[in-house]
Amino acid sequence: MLGYALMFLIIAIVAGVLGFFTLASLAASIAKILFVVFLALFVLSFIFGKRRV
């Protein structure tokens, strides 16, 4: 999932440089959403993954 977030971030940067500002803002917002989901899943797996004794 982090790979997808980085891919959309790169797409947003390239689209912004080329002047496609609508596409850049869409790709940047998708990258933000994916990154937040990745962080939430990472924290949850870190908390609940250590329960085995």
PDB file of N, CA and C in Angstrom:
ATOM      1  N   MET A   1       0.825  -1.184   0.000  1.00  0.00           N
ATOM      2  CA  MET A   1       0.000   0.000   0.000  1.00  0.00           C
ATOM      3  C   MET A   1       0.873   1.253   0.000  1.00  0.00           C
ATOM      4  N   LEU A   2       1.987   1.164   0.687  1.00  0.00           N
ATOM      5  CA  LEU A   2       2.898   2.306   0.691  1.00  0.00           C
ATOM      6  C   LEU A   2       3.472   2.534  -0.706  1.00  0.00           C
ATOM      7  N   GLY A   3       3.654   1.458  -1.436  1.00  0.00           N
ATOM      8  CA  GLY A   3       4.130   1.577  -2.815  1.00  0.00           C
ATOM      9  C   GLY A   3       3.146   2.323  -3.706  1.00  0.00           C
ATOM     10  N   TYR A   4       1.853   2.050  -3.514  1.00  0.00           N
ATOM     11  CA  TYR A   4       0.829   2.768  -4.278  1.00  0.00           C
ATOM     12  C   TYR A   4       0.810   4.253  -3.904  1.00  0.00           C
ATOM     13  N   ALA A   5       0.982   4.537  -2.618  1.00  0.00           N
ATOM     14  CA  ALA A   5       1.001   5.943  -2.190  1.00  0.00           C
ATOM     15  C   ALA A   5       2.181   6.677  -2.812  1.00  0.00           C
ATOM     16  N   LEU A   6       3.331   6.035  -2.844  1.00  0.00           N
ATOM     17  CA  LEU A   6       4.504   6.658  -3.470  1.00  0.00           C
ATOM     18  C   LEU A   6       4.310   6.818  -4.975  1.00  0.00           C
ATOM     19  N   MET A   7       3.651   5.834  -5.602  1.00  0.00           N
ATOM     20  CA  MET A   7       3.403   5.935  -7.036  1.00  0.00           C
ATOM     21  C   MET A   7       2.489   7.120  -7.352  1.00  0.00           C
ATOM     22  N   PHE A   8       1.413   7.286  -6.564  1.00  0.00           N
ATOM     23  CA  PHE A   8       0.513   8.413  -6.798  1.00  0.00           C
ATOM     24  C   PHE A   8       1.201   9.739  -6.472  1.00  0.00           C
ATOM     25  N   LEU A   9       2.113   9.742  -5.515  1.00  0.00           N
ATOM     26  CA  LEU A   9       2.865  10.958  -5.213  1.00  0.00           C
ATOM     27  C   LEU A   9       3.752  11.346  -6.392  1.00  0.00           C
ATOM     28  N   ILE A  10       4.396  10.379  -6.990  1.00  0.00           N
ATOM     29  CA  ILE A  10       5.243  10.658  -8.155  1.00  0.00           C
ATOM     30  C   ILE A  10       4.393  11.130  -9.331  1.00  0.00           C
ATOM     31  N   ILE A  11       3.233  10.509  -9.524  1.00  0.00           N
ATOM     32  CA  ILE A  11       2.328  10.951 -10.589  1.00  0.00           C
ATOM     33  C   ILE A  11       1.893  12.394 -10.357  1.00  0.00           C
ATOM     34  N   ALA A  12       1.606  12.730  -9.086  1.00  0.00           N
ATOM     35  CA  ALA A  12       1.189  14.097  -8.766  1.00  0.00           C
ATOM     36  C   ALA A  12       2.304  15.094  -9.044  1.00  0.00           C
ATOM     37  N   ILE A  13       3.522  14.741  -8.711  1.00  0.00           N
ATOM     38  CA  ILE A  13       4.650  15.654  -8.953  1.00  0.00           C
ATOM     39  C   ILE A  13       4.874  15.856 -10.447  1.00  0.00           C
ATOM     40  N   VAL A  14       4.859  14.773 -11.210  1.00  0.00           N
ATOM     41  CA  VAL A  14       5.071  14.870 -12.661  1.00  0.00           C
ATOM     42  C   VAL A  14       3.932  15.649 -13.316  1.00  0.00           C
ATOM     43  N   ALA A  15       2.694  15.377 -12.899  1.00  0.00           N
ATOM     44  CA  ALA A  15       1.558  16.093 -13.479  1.00  0.00           C
ATOM     45  C   ALA A  15       1.598  17.570 -13.114  1.00  0.00           C
ATOM     46  N   GLY A  16       2.046  17.890 -11.920  1.00  0.00           N
ATOM     47  CA  GLY A  16       2.165  19.293 -11.532  1.00  0.00           C
ATOM     48  C   GLY A  16       3.221  20.027 -12.329  1.00  0.00           C
ATOM     49  N   VAL A  17       4.334  19.339 -12.602  1.00  0.00           N
ATOM     50  CA  VAL A  17       5.395  19.963 -13.394  1.00  0.00           C
ATOM     51  C   VAL A  17       4.939  20.184 -14.833  1.00  0.00           C
ATOM     52  N   LEU A  18       4.169  19.239 -15.361  1.00  0.00           N
ATOM     53  CA  LEU A  18       3.719  19.356 -16.750  1.00  0.00           C
ATOM     54  C   LEU A  18       2.517  20.284 -16.917  1.00  0.00           C
ATOM     55  N   GLY A  19       1.909  20.707 -15.818  1.00  0.00           N
ATOM     56  CA  GLY A  19       0.822  21.667 -15.910  1.00  0.00           C
ATOM     57  C   GLY A  19      -0.566  21.072 -15.798  1.00  0.00           C
ATOM     58  N   PHE A  20      -0.670  19.799 -15.530  1.00  0.00           N
ATOM     59  CA  PHE A  20      -1.968  19.162 -15.354  1.00  0.00           C
ATOM     60  C   PHE A  20      -2.360  19.278 -13.880  1.00  0.00           C
ATOM     61  N   PHE A  21      -2.835  20.447 -13.484  1.00  0.00           N
ATOM     62  CA  PHE A  21      -3.049  20.716 -12.065  1.00  0.00           C
ATOM     63  C   PHE A  21      -4.230  19.943 -11.493  1.00  0.00           C
ATOM     64  N   THR A  22      -5.250  19.684 -12.293  1.00  0.00           N
ATOM     65  CA  THR A  22      -6.389  18.904 -11.802  1.00  0.00           C
ATOM     66  C   THR A  22      -5.972  17.463 -11.527  1.00  0.00           C
ATOM     67  N   LEU A  23      -5.232  16.887 -12.442  1.00  0.00           N
ATOM     68  CA  LEU A  23      -4.729  15.530 -12.263  1.00  0.00           C
ATOM     69  C   LEU A  23      -3.750  15.475 -11.100  1.00  0.00           C
ATOM     70  N   ALA A  24      -2.948  16.503 -10.946  1.00  0.00           N
ATOM     71  CA  ALA A  24      -1.974  16.538  -9.853  1.00  0.00           C
ATOM     72  C   ALA A  24      -2.667  16.595  -8.501  1.00  0.00           C
ATOM     73  N   SER A  25      -3.711  17.397  -8.397  1.00  0.00           N
ATOM     74  CA  SER A  25      -4.410  17.482  -7.108  1.00  0.00           C
ATOM     75  C   SER A  25      -5.149  16.190  -6.801  1.00  0.00           C
ATOM     76  N   LEU A  26      -5.707  15.546  -7.814  1.00  0.00           N
ATOM     77  CA  LEU A  26      -6.383  14.271  -7.609  1.00  0.00           C
ATOM     78  C   LEU A  26      -5.393  13.197  -7.166  1.00  0.00           C
ATOM     79  N   ALA A  27      -4.255  13.110  -7.834  1.00  0.00           N
ATOM     80  CA  ALA A  27      -3.253  12.110  -7.471  1.00  0.00           C
ATOM     81  C   ALA A  27      -2.673  12.383  -6.085  1.00  0.00           C
ATOM     82  N   ALA A  28      -2.504  13.651  -5.747  1.00  0.00           N
ATOM     83  CA  ALA A  28      -1.981  13.977  -4.420  1.00  0.00           C
ATOM     84  C   ALA A  28      -2.973  13.618  -3.323  1.00  0.00           C
ATOM     85  N   SER A  29      -4.250  13.841  -3.571  1.00  0.00           N
ATOM     86  CA  SER A  29      -5.237  13.478  -2.550  1.00  0.00           C
ATOM     87  C   SER A  29      -5.354  11.963  -2.406  1.00  0.00           C
ATOM     88  N   ILE A  30      -5.243  11.224  -3.492  1.00  0.00           N
ATOM     89  CA  ILE A  30      -5.242   9.764  -3.410  1.00  0.00           C
ATOM     90  C   ILE A  30      -4.016   9.284  -2.646  1.00  0.00           C
ATOM     91  N   ALA A  31      -2.866   9.895  -2.897  1.00  0.00           N
ATOM     92  CA  ALA A  31      -1.648   9.516  -2.188  1.00  0.00           C
ATOM     93  C   ALA A  31      -1.777   9.794  -0.690  1.00  0.00           C
ATOM     94  N   LYS A  32      -2.397  10.910  -0.324  1.00  0.00           N
ATOM     95  CA  LYS A  32      -2.600  11.218   1.101  1.00  0.00           C
ATOM     96  C   LYS A  32      -3.500  10.190   1.766  1.00  0.00           C
ATOM     97  N   ILE A  33      -4.586   9.833   1.091  1.00  0.00           N
ATOM     98  CA  ILE A  33      -5.519   8.858   1.654  1.00  0.00           C
ATOM     99  C   ILE A  33      -4.841   7.504   1.835  1.00  0.00           C
ATOM    100  N   LEU A  34      -4.114   7.061   0.833  1.00  0.00           N
ATOM    101  CA  LEU A  34      -3.432   5.772   0.928  1.00  0.00           C
ATOM    102  C   LEU A  34      -2.380   5.777   2.016  1.00  0.00           C
ATOM    103  N   PHE A  35      -1.682   6.896   2.195  1.00  0.00           N
ATOM    104  CA  PHE A  35      -0.660   6.974   3.223  1.00  0.00           C
ATOM    105  C   PHE A  35      -1.279   6.920   4.614  1.00  0.00           C
ATOM    106  N   VAL A  36      -2.416   7.584   4.804  1.00  0.00           N
ATOM    107  CA  VAL A  36      -3.093   7.553   6.104  1.00  0.00           C
ATOM    108  C   VAL A  36      -3.606   6.144   6.397  1.00  0.00           C
ATOM    109  N   VAL A  37      -4.163   5.477   5.394  1.00  0.00           N
ATOM    110  CA  VAL A  37      -4.621   4.098   5.579  1.00  0.00           C
ATOM    111  C   VAL A  37      -3.445   3.196   5.916  1.00  0.00           C
ATOM    112  N   PHE A  38      -2.315   3.380   5.234  1.00  0.00           N
ATOM    113  CA  PHE A  38      -1.121   2.600   5.529  1.00  0.00           C
ATOM    114  C   PHE A  38      -0.658   2.818   6.964  1.00  0.00           C
ATOM    115  N   LEU A  39      -0.630   4.068   7.411  1.00  0.00           N
ATOM    116  CA  LEU A  39      -0.204   4.338   8.781  1.00  0.00           C
ATOM    117  C   LEU A  39      -1.151   3.714   9.798  1.00  0.00           C
ATOM    118  N   ALA A  40      -2.440   3.796   9.546  1.00  0.00           N
ATOM    119  CA  ALA A  40      -3.417   3.205  10.473  1.00  0.00           C
ATOM    120  C   ALA A  40      -3.243   1.694  10.552  1.00  0.00           C
ATOM    121  N   LEU A  41      -3.088   1.046   9.414  1.00  0.00           N
ATOM    122  CA  LEU A  41      -2.895  -0.401   9.413  1.00  0.00           C
ATOM    123  C   LEU A  41      -1.569  -0.795  10.048  1.00  0.00           C
ATOM    124  N   PHE A  42      -0.543   0.018   9.858  1.00  0.00           N
ATOM    125  CA  PHE A  42       0.752  -0.263  10.460  1.00  0.00           C
ATOM    126  C   PHE A  42       0.677  -0.184  11.983  1.00  0.00           C
ATOM    127  N   VAL A  43       0.020   0.853  12.481  1.00  0.00           N
ATOM    128  CA  VAL A  43      -0.112   1.009  13.930  1.00  0.00           C
ATOM    129  C   VAL A  43      -0.958  -0.118  14.517  1.00  0.00           C
ATOM    130  N   LEU A  44      -2.051  -0.465  13.848  1.00  0.00           N
ATOM    131  CA  LEU A  44      -2.890  -1.555  14.338  1.00  0.00           C
ATOM    132  C   LEU A  44      -2.150  -2.888  14.337  1.00  0.00           C
ATOM    133  N   SER A  45      -1.391  -3.167  13.304  1.00  0.00           N
ATOM    134  CA  SER A  45      -0.640  -4.417  13.275  1.00  0.00           C
ATOM    135  C   SER A  45       0.494  -4.409  14.297  1.00  0.00           C
ATOM    136  N   PHE A  46       1.041  -3.256  14.581  1.00  0.00           N
ATOM    137  CA  PHE A  46       2.095  -3.163  15.601  1.00  0.00           C
ATOM    138  C   PHE A  46       1.517  -3.406  16.986  1.00  0.00           C
ATOM    139  N   ILE A  47       0.332  -2.867  17.249  1.00  0.00           N
ATOM    140  CA  ILE A  47      -0.299  -3.024  18.566  1.00  0.00           C
ATOM    141  C   ILE A  47      -0.819  -4.445  18.751  1.00  0.00           C
ATOM    142  N   PHE A  48      -1.584  -4.947  17.800  1.00  0.00           N
ATOM    143  CA  PHE A  48      -2.220  -6.244  17.962  1.00  0.00           C
ATOM    144  C   PHE A  48      -1.316  -7.412  17.566  1.00  0.00           C
ATOM    145  N   GLY A  49      -0.220  -7.166  16.919  1.00  0.00           N
ATOM    146  CA  GLY A  49       0.692  -8.232  16.532  1.00  0.00           C
ATOM    147  C   GLY A  49       1.562  -8.707  17.671  1.00  0.00           C
ATOM    148  N   LYS A  50       1.710  -7.933  18.715  1.00  0.00           N
ATOM    149  CA  LYS A  50       2.566  -8.280  19.845  1.00  0.00           C
ATOM    150  C   LYS A  50       1.821  -9.012  20.951  1.00  0.00           C
ATOM    151  N   ARG A  51       0.579  -9.403  20.745  1.00  0.00           N
ATOM    152  CA  ARG A  51      -0.222 -10.023  21.794  1.00  0.00           C
ATOM    153  C   ARG A  51       0.171 -11.470  22.065  1.00  0.00           C
ATOM    154  N   ARG A  52       0.875 -12.122  21.183  1.00  0.00           N
ATOM    155  CA  ARG A  52       1.255 -13.528  21.396  1.00  0.00           C
ATOM    156  C   ARG A  52       2.328 -13.609  22.464  1.00  0.00           C
ATOM    157  N   VAL A  53       2.124 -14.571  23.364  1.00  0.00           N
ATOM    158  CA  VAL A  53       3.084 -14.726  24.473  1.00  0.00           C
ATOM    159  C   VAL A  53       3.724 -16.085  24.397  1.00  0.00           C
TER     160      VAL A  53
END
